[in-house]
Amino acid sequence: MSTPSQILETVFKIGAVSKITNIPVDTLRIWERRYSVVVPVRSKNADRLYKTEDINRLTLLKMLVDRGHSIGTIAHLSDNELSERLSVHDTNTTQKNNHSVNSANVVIVGEVLSIQIQHSQIDNNSFSFTGIYSNEHEFIENKKDHDIDILVVEYPVIHEQDIDRINTLFKESNAKQLILIYGFTNSAAKRILDKSNFKYIQAPISIDNLQREIIDLIKEHNINHVKENEVILEAKAPKRTYKSKQLIDLSTASSVIQCECPQHLSSMIIKLVQFEQYSYECIERYEKDAELHSILGNMAGHARSILEQALSKIVDAEGISLEQ
């Protein structure tokens, strides 16, 4: 089995580095020749071979160049100094990752991806990045601190034996969904990935595209980071749990059931069902107030759903049998 240290020692040719960093091959050559931004090793065939730390440095440089810095003024800076300059941009940016309380929690694990996310301006109410880690070791040490909806893991290279470790990481994280971003793999590993129960995407992937993938996953699996029993009134009200006949039966069952709670609850639910129907009829009749009546009907539906949950607890506790 390959270990994290073995993965970090993997080297990449210039074409792969260009795809991962979004720096054109010709630009990479110019940056190296003029400014020695990185010093790749050479293979026996004289190919440039880049380490992961080279890719990380190039990613930082590319992000600063995109923010208006000249490569000549930043090429001599250390990685820490480059990160500090990016942090200045982040501090001075007013649009900074404001999310709703109920947004899905997304955790990132990966060297290049963590750099890109930390210094990207993302404003989306569907999700928030609640953890960003450069490697698995950091994440494993801190995963107990997270309630994770979507885990995004970046692997430069995937071998068959790595997929077991990825599945274990996914399972132990208790995340609802996993997105795997990988650089390269072989046909045997690809066949295993095709049968996996998580989403996998080959790098490079832009932050905008990653956002879209996350949002699609949230919609596809109806992921919403909501506290237990919390009601989101903006969401569509749940479907009815009980048919009208079942509610009528329960509302008149006081003669055989000592507790009168089923009678009271079912009567209130019937009233709410009637108000829901009335509100939606008003949408047709009063075009001017259609939006208001739609909101009222939906809120009544949420109230009905809460009382249905209460009624279900009584039905279960009392062992009441209802006709389907």
Protein backbone atom coordinates (compact mmCIF):
# COMPACT_ATOMS: atom_id res chain seq x y z
CA MET A 1 0.00 0.00 0.00
CA SER A 2 1.30 3.44 -0.88
CA THR A 3 1.70 5.83 2.03
CA PRO A 4 1.18 9.61 2.15
CA SER A 5 4.96 10.11 2.07
CA GLN A 6 5.22 8.05 -1.10
CA ILE A 7 2.50 10.10 -2.72
CA LEU A 8 4.31 13.34 -1.86
CA GLU A 9 7.43 12.03 -3.64
CA THR A 10 5.53 11.61 -6.90
CA VAL A 11 6.88 13.80 -9.69
CA PHE A 12 4.99 15.36 -12.58
CA LYS A 13 5.96 16.34 -16.11
CA ILE A 14 5.50 19.90 -17.29
CA GLY A 15 2.26 19.17 -19.17
CA ALA A 16 0.63 17.80 -16.03
CA VAL A 17 1.85 20.75 -13.96
CA SER A 18 0.42 23.13 -16.54
CA LYS A 19 -3.00 21.50 -16.22
CA ILE A 20 -2.94 21.44 -12.42
CA THR A 21 -1.81 25.07 -12.00
CA ASN A 22 -3.49 26.56 -15.10
CA ILE A 23 -0.14 28.05 -16.13
CA PRO A 24 0.63 27.61 -19.86
CA VAL A 25 3.68 25.46 -20.60
CA ASP A 26 5.46 28.34 -22.38
CA THR A 27 4.87 30.61 -19.36
CA LEU A 28 6.28 27.97 -17.02
CA ARG A 29 9.46 27.74 -19.08
CA ILE A 30 9.84 31.53 -19.13
CA TRP A 31 9.30 31.81 -15.34
CA GLU A 32 11.93 29.15 -14.73
CA ARG A 33 14.48 30.52 -17.20
CA ARG A 34 14.17 34.18 -16.22
CA TYR A 35 13.27 34.02 -12.54
CA SER A 36 14.10 30.49 -11.34
CA VAL A 37 10.73 30.34 -9.59
CA VAL A 38 11.21 26.57 -9.17
CA VAL A 39 14.07 24.26 -10.10
CA PRO A 40 12.67 20.98 -11.41
CA VAL A 41 14.85 17.90 -11.57
CA ARG A 42 15.59 16.29 -14.91
CA SER A 43 14.81 12.75 -15.97
CA LYS A 44 17.18 10.56 -17.97
CA ASN A 45 15.40 11.86 -21.08
CA ALA A 46 15.93 15.47 -19.94
CA ASP A 47 12.24 15.95 -19.11
CA ARG A 48 11.42 18.46 -16.38
CA LEU A 49 10.07 16.68 -13.30
CA TYR A 50 8.23 18.70 -10.67
CA LYS A 51 7.60 17.76 -7.05
CA THR A 52 4.42 18.55 -5.13
CA GLU A 53 6.09 21.46 -3.36
CA ASP A 54 6.95 22.94 -6.78
CA ILE A 55 3.28 22.76 -7.76
CA ASN A 56 2.25 24.42 -4.49
CA ARG A 57 4.68 27.29 -5.07
CA LEU A 58 3.56 27.74 -8.67
CA THR A 59 -0.06 27.81 -7.50
CA LEU A 60 0.71 30.65 -5.09
CA LEU A 61 2.55 32.59 -7.79
CA LYS A 62 -0.27 32.12 -10.30
CA MET A 63 -2.87 33.36 -7.81
CA LEU A 64 -0.85 36.50 -7.06
CA VAL A 65 -0.25 37.18 -10.75
CA ASP A 66 -4.00 36.86 -11.31
CA ARG A 67 -4.45 39.51 -8.59
CA GLY A 68 -2.26 41.98 -10.47
CA HIS A 69 1.26 41.25 -9.21
CA SER A 70 4.13 41.16 -11.70
CA ILE A 71 5.98 37.84 -11.65
CA GLY A 72 9.28 39.73 -11.52
CA THR A 73 8.33 41.39 -8.22
CA ILE A 74 7.28 38.18 -6.43
CA ALA A 75 9.45 35.44 -7.93
CA HIS A 76 12.12 35.86 -5.23
CA LEU A 77 9.67 35.60 -2.31
CA SER A 78 9.50 32.52 -0.10
CA ASP A 79 6.35 30.40 0.01
CA ASN A 80 5.45 31.92 3.39
CA GLU A 81 5.86 35.44 2.01
CA LEU A 82 3.69 34.57 -0.98
CA SER A 83 1.00 33.24 1.36
CA GLU A 84 1.19 36.43 3.44
CA ARG A 85 0.63 38.57 0.35
CA LEU A 86 -2.40 36.51 -0.57
CA SER A 87 -3.70 36.94 2.97
CA VAL A 88 -3.48 40.72 2.54
CA HIS A 89 -5.75 40.43 -0.49
CA ASP A 90 -8.18 38.31 1.51
CA THR A 91 -8.23 40.78 4.41
CA ASN A 92 -8.94 43.69 2.08
CA THR A 93 -11.73 41.89 0.26
CA THR A 94 -15.19 42.70 1.57
CA GLN A 95 -16.94 39.72 -0.01
CA LYS A 96 -15.76 37.03 2.38
CA ASN A 97 -17.62 33.73 2.57
CA ASN A 98 -20.86 34.77 4.28
CA HIS A 99 -23.14 31.75 4.58
CA SER A 100 -26.51 30.94 6.02
CA VAL A 101 -26.74 28.94 9.21
CA ASN A 102 -28.29 26.03 7.33
CA SER A 103 -25.67 25.74 4.57
CA ALA A 104 -24.00 22.39 4.01
CA ASN A 105 -20.63 21.84 5.71
CA VAL A 106 -17.80 21.09 3.27
CA VAL A 107 -14.30 20.01 4.33
CA ILE A 108 -11.30 20.13 1.98
CA VAL A 109 -8.26 17.82 2.20
CA GLY A 110 -5.44 18.35 -0.30
CA GLU A 111 -2.29 20.38 -0.82
CA VAL A 112 -2.99 22.35 -4.00
CA LEU A 113 -6.73 22.52 -3.44
CA SER A 114 -6.34 23.83 0.12
CA ILE A 115 -4.18 26.70 -1.14
CA GLN A 116 -6.67 27.59 -3.86
CA ILE A 117 -9.67 27.48 -1.51
CA GLN A 118 -7.99 29.50 1.24
CA HIS A 119 -7.34 32.36 -1.15
CA SER A 120 -10.51 32.26 -3.25
CA GLN A 121 -13.42 34.59 -2.68
CA ILE A 122 -16.43 32.28 -2.41
CA ASP A 123 -19.89 33.54 -1.54
CA ASN A 124 -22.54 30.85 -1.73
CA ASN A 125 -25.45 30.29 0.64
CA SER A 126 -25.69 26.58 -0.22
CA PHE A 127 -22.48 25.56 1.54
CA SER A 128 -19.50 26.73 3.57
CA PHE A 129 -15.96 25.42 3.95
CA THR A 130 -15.76 24.48 7.61
CA GLY A 131 -12.36 22.79 7.42
CA ILE A 132 -9.38 23.14 5.06
CA TYR A 133 -6.43 20.75 5.48
CA SER A 134 -3.30 20.32 3.38
CA ASN A 135 -3.00 16.58 4.11
CA GLU A 136 -4.80 13.57 5.55
CA HIS A 137 -2.78 13.56 8.77
CA GLU A 138 -4.00 17.06 9.71
CA PHE A 139 -7.57 16.11 8.86
CA ILE A 140 -7.54 12.84 10.81
CA GLU A 141 -6.30 14.69 13.90
CA ASN A 142 -9.17 17.19 13.67
CA LYS A 143 -12.05 15.33 12.01
CA LYS A 144 -13.85 14.81 15.34
CA ASP A 145 -14.34 18.59 15.44
CA HIS A 146 -16.45 18.55 12.28
CA ASP A 147 -19.97 17.62 11.33
CA ILE A 148 -19.29 17.00 7.64
CA ASP A 149 -21.84 16.97 4.85
CA ILE A 150 -19.42 16.80 1.91
CA LEU A 151 -15.76 15.75 2.10
CA VAL A 152 -13.53 16.82 -0.82
CA VAL A 153 -10.24 14.90 -1.03
CA GLU A 154 -7.41 15.62 -3.47
CA TYR A 155 -4.96 12.91 -4.58
CA PRO A 156 -2.20 13.62 -7.12
CA VAL A 157 -2.05 9.93 -8.11
CA ILE A 158 -4.49 7.08 -7.47
CA HIS A 159 -3.42 3.42 -7.39
CA GLU A 160 -5.75 0.48 -6.74
CA GLN A 161 -4.64 0.14 -3.12
CA ASP A 162 -5.30 3.83 -2.45
CA ILE A 163 -9.04 3.44 -3.01
CA ASP A 164 -9.43 1.31 0.14
CA ARG A 165 -7.78 4.08 2.15
CA ILE A 166 -10.05 6.68 0.54
CA ASN A 167 -13.13 4.62 1.38
CA THR A 168 -11.93 4.21 4.97
CA LEU A 169 -11.30 7.95 5.27
CA PHE A 170 -14.78 8.64 3.89
CA LYS A 171 -16.44 6.18 6.28
CA GLU A 172 -14.57 7.38 9.36
CA SER A 173 -15.30 11.03 8.55
CA ASN A 174 -19.07 10.34 8.76
CA ALA A 175 -19.50 12.63 5.75
CA LYS A 176 -22.68 12.22 3.73
CA GLN A 177 -20.93 12.50 0.37
CA LEU A 178 -17.37 12.40 -1.00
CA ILE A 179 -15.81 14.18 -3.96
CA LEU A 180 -12.42 12.82 -5.01
CA ILE A 181 -10.19 15.07 -7.12
CA TYR A 182 -7.36 13.05 -8.67
CA GLY A 183 -4.52 13.85 -11.01
CA PHE A 184 -3.65 10.54 -12.62
CA THR A 185 -4.62 6.89 -12.31
CA ASN A 186 -4.24 3.59 -14.13
CA SER A 187 -6.91 1.50 -15.86
CA ALA A 188 -7.19 -1.00 -12.97
CA ALA A 189 -7.84 1.78 -10.43
CA LYS A 190 -10.24 3.48 -12.85
CA ARG A 191 -12.36 0.32 -13.03
CA ILE A 192 -12.61 0.30 -9.23
CA LEU A 193 -13.49 4.01 -9.18
CA ASP A 194 -16.28 3.36 -11.69
CA LYS A 195 -17.93 1.08 -9.13
CA SER A 196 -17.43 3.42 -6.17
CA ASN A 197 -20.28 5.16 -4.35
CA PHE A 198 -18.65 8.59 -4.45
CA LYS A 199 -18.05 11.24 -7.08
CA TYR A 200 -14.61 11.47 -8.66
CA ILE A 201 -13.25 14.16 -10.98
CA GLN A 202 -9.93 14.35 -12.77
CA ALA A 203 -7.84 17.47 -12.20
CA PRO A 204 -7.50 20.21 -13.15
CA ILE A 205 -10.74 21.65 -11.84
CA SER A 206 -11.32 25.35 -11.29
CA ILE A 207 -12.78 26.62 -8.03
CA ASP A 208 -15.88 27.76 -9.94
CA ASN A 209 -16.37 24.26 -11.33
CA LEU A 210 -15.80 22.72 -7.91
CA GLN A 211 -18.49 25.00 -6.49
CA ARG A 212 -20.91 23.83 -9.17
CA GLU A 213 -20.11 20.17 -8.43
CA ILE A 214 -20.74 20.74 -4.71
CA ILE A 215 -24.04 22.54 -5.37
CA ASP A 216 -25.17 19.77 -7.76
CA LEU A 217 -24.37 17.17 -5.09
CA ILE A 218 -26.32 19.13 -2.46
CA LYS A 219 -29.36 19.28 -4.75
CA GLU A 220 -29.07 15.66 -5.93
CA HIS A 221 -28.95 14.25 -2.40
CA ASN A 222 -31.02 16.97 -0.72
CA ILE A 223 -28.16 17.76 1.66
CA ASN A 224 -28.99 20.44 4.18
CA HIS A 225 -27.06 20.96 7.39
CA VAL A 226 -30.05 21.36 9.66
CA LYS A 227 -30.22 20.75 13.38
CA GLU A 228 -32.53 17.99 14.48
CA ASN A 229 -36.18 19.10 14.43
CA GLU A 230 -35.22 22.50 12.95
CA VAL A 231 -37.75 23.83 10.45
CA ILE A 232 -36.71 25.85 7.41
CA LEU A 233 -39.81 27.81 6.50
CA GLU A 234 -38.40 28.78 3.10
CA ALA A 235 -38.25 25.13 2.10
CA LYS A 236 -41.26 23.40 0.59
CA ALA A 237 -43.55 21.93 3.24
CA PRO A 238 -43.41 18.11 3.59
CA LYS A 239 -46.15 15.97 2.09
CA ARG A 240 -49.05 14.88 4.27
CA THR A 241 -48.46 11.93 6.58
CA TYR A 242 -52.11 11.10 7.25
CA LYS A 243 -55.09 10.81 4.94
CA SER A 244 -58.26 12.73 5.78
CA LYS A 245 -60.14 9.54 6.74
CA GLN A 246 -57.37 8.53 9.17
CA LEU A 247 -57.54 11.96 10.83
CA ILE A 248 -61.32 11.78 11.11
CA ASP A 249 -61.07 8.30 12.66
CA LEU A 250 -58.55 9.58 15.21
CA SER A 251 -60.60 12.70 15.98
CA THR A 252 -63.57 10.52 16.96
CA ALA A 253 -61.60 7.83 18.81
CA SER A 254 -61.92 9.31 22.31
CA SER A 255 -64.54 6.76 23.29
CA VAL A 256 -62.11 3.86 22.95
CA ILE A 257 -58.83 5.60 23.81
CA GLN A 258 -58.44 7.01 27.30
CA CYS A 259 -56.05 9.77 26.23
CA GLU A 260 -57.79 12.50 24.21
CA CYS A 261 -54.55 13.82 22.65
CA PRO A 262 -55.12 11.96 19.32
CA GLN A 263 -58.52 13.63 19.06
CA HIS A 264 -57.18 17.13 19.69
CA LEU A 265 -54.12 16.78 17.46
CA SER A 266 -56.01 15.27 14.54
CA SER A 267 -58.64 18.01 14.76
CA MET A 268 -55.93 20.70 14.61
CA ILE A 269 -54.25 18.96 11.68
CA ILE A 270 -57.57 18.83 9.79
CA LYS A 271 -57.94 22.59 10.31
CA LEU A 272 -54.41 23.22 9.04
CA VAL A 273 -55.00 21.01 5.99
CA GLN A 274 -58.12 23.04 5.24
CA PHE A 275 -56.18 26.30 5.61
CA GLU A 276 -53.44 25.01 3.29
CA GLN A 277 -56.03 24.23 0.65
CA TYR A 278 -57.76 27.57 1.18
CA SER A 279 -54.45 29.47 0.81
CA TYR A 280 -53.60 27.76 -2.47
CA GLU A 281 -57.12 28.44 -3.77
CA CYS A 282 -56.56 32.12 -2.95
CA ILE A 283 -53.49 32.09 -5.23
CA GLU A 284 -55.84 31.45 -8.15
CA ARG A 285 -58.48 33.95 -7.03
CA TYR A 286 -56.31 36.87 -5.90
CA GLU A 287 -53.47 37.34 -8.34
CA LYS A 288 -52.23 40.50 -6.58
CA ASP A 289 -51.60 38.61 -3.31
CA ALA A 290 -50.58 35.29 -4.89
CA GLU A 291 -47.08 35.34 -3.41
CA LEU A 292 -48.38 36.08 0.08
CA HIS A 293 -50.93 33.26 -0.05
CA SER A 294 -48.27 30.87 -1.33
CA ILE A 295 -46.10 31.70 1.71
CA LEU A 296 -49.06 31.33 4.09
CA GLY A 297 -50.00 27.96 2.60
CA ASN A 298 -46.44 26.70 2.84
CA MET A 299 -46.07 27.82 6.47
CA ALA A 300 -49.35 26.12 7.33
CA GLY A 301 -47.92 23.00 5.74
CA HIS A 302 -44.88 23.15 8.01
CA ALA A 303 -47.14 23.60 11.06
CA ARG A 304 -49.23 20.63 9.90
CA SER A 305 -46.07 18.53 9.49
CA ILE A 306 -44.90 19.31 13.05
CA LEU A 307 -48.27 18.28 14.50
CA GLU A 308 -48.24 15.14 12.34
CA GLN A 309 -44.91 14.19 13.93
CA ALA A 310 -46.45 14.67 17.37
CA LEU A 311 -49.47 12.59 16.38
CA SER A 312 -47.23 9.81 15.06
CA LYS A 313 -45.48 9.58 18.43
CA ILE A 314 -48.84 9.08 20.14
CA VAL A 315 -50.03 6.57 17.53
CA ASP A 316 -46.84 4.55 18.02
CA ALA A 317 -46.91 4.80 21.82
CA GLU A 318 -50.57 3.77 22.05
CA GLY A 319 -50.27 1.08 19.39
CA ILE A 320 -53.14 2.58 17.43
CA SER A 321 -53.88 0.79 14.15
CA LEU A 322 -55.01 2.90 11.21
CA GLU A 323 -56.48 1.80 7.90
CA GLN A 324 -54.22 2.61 4.97
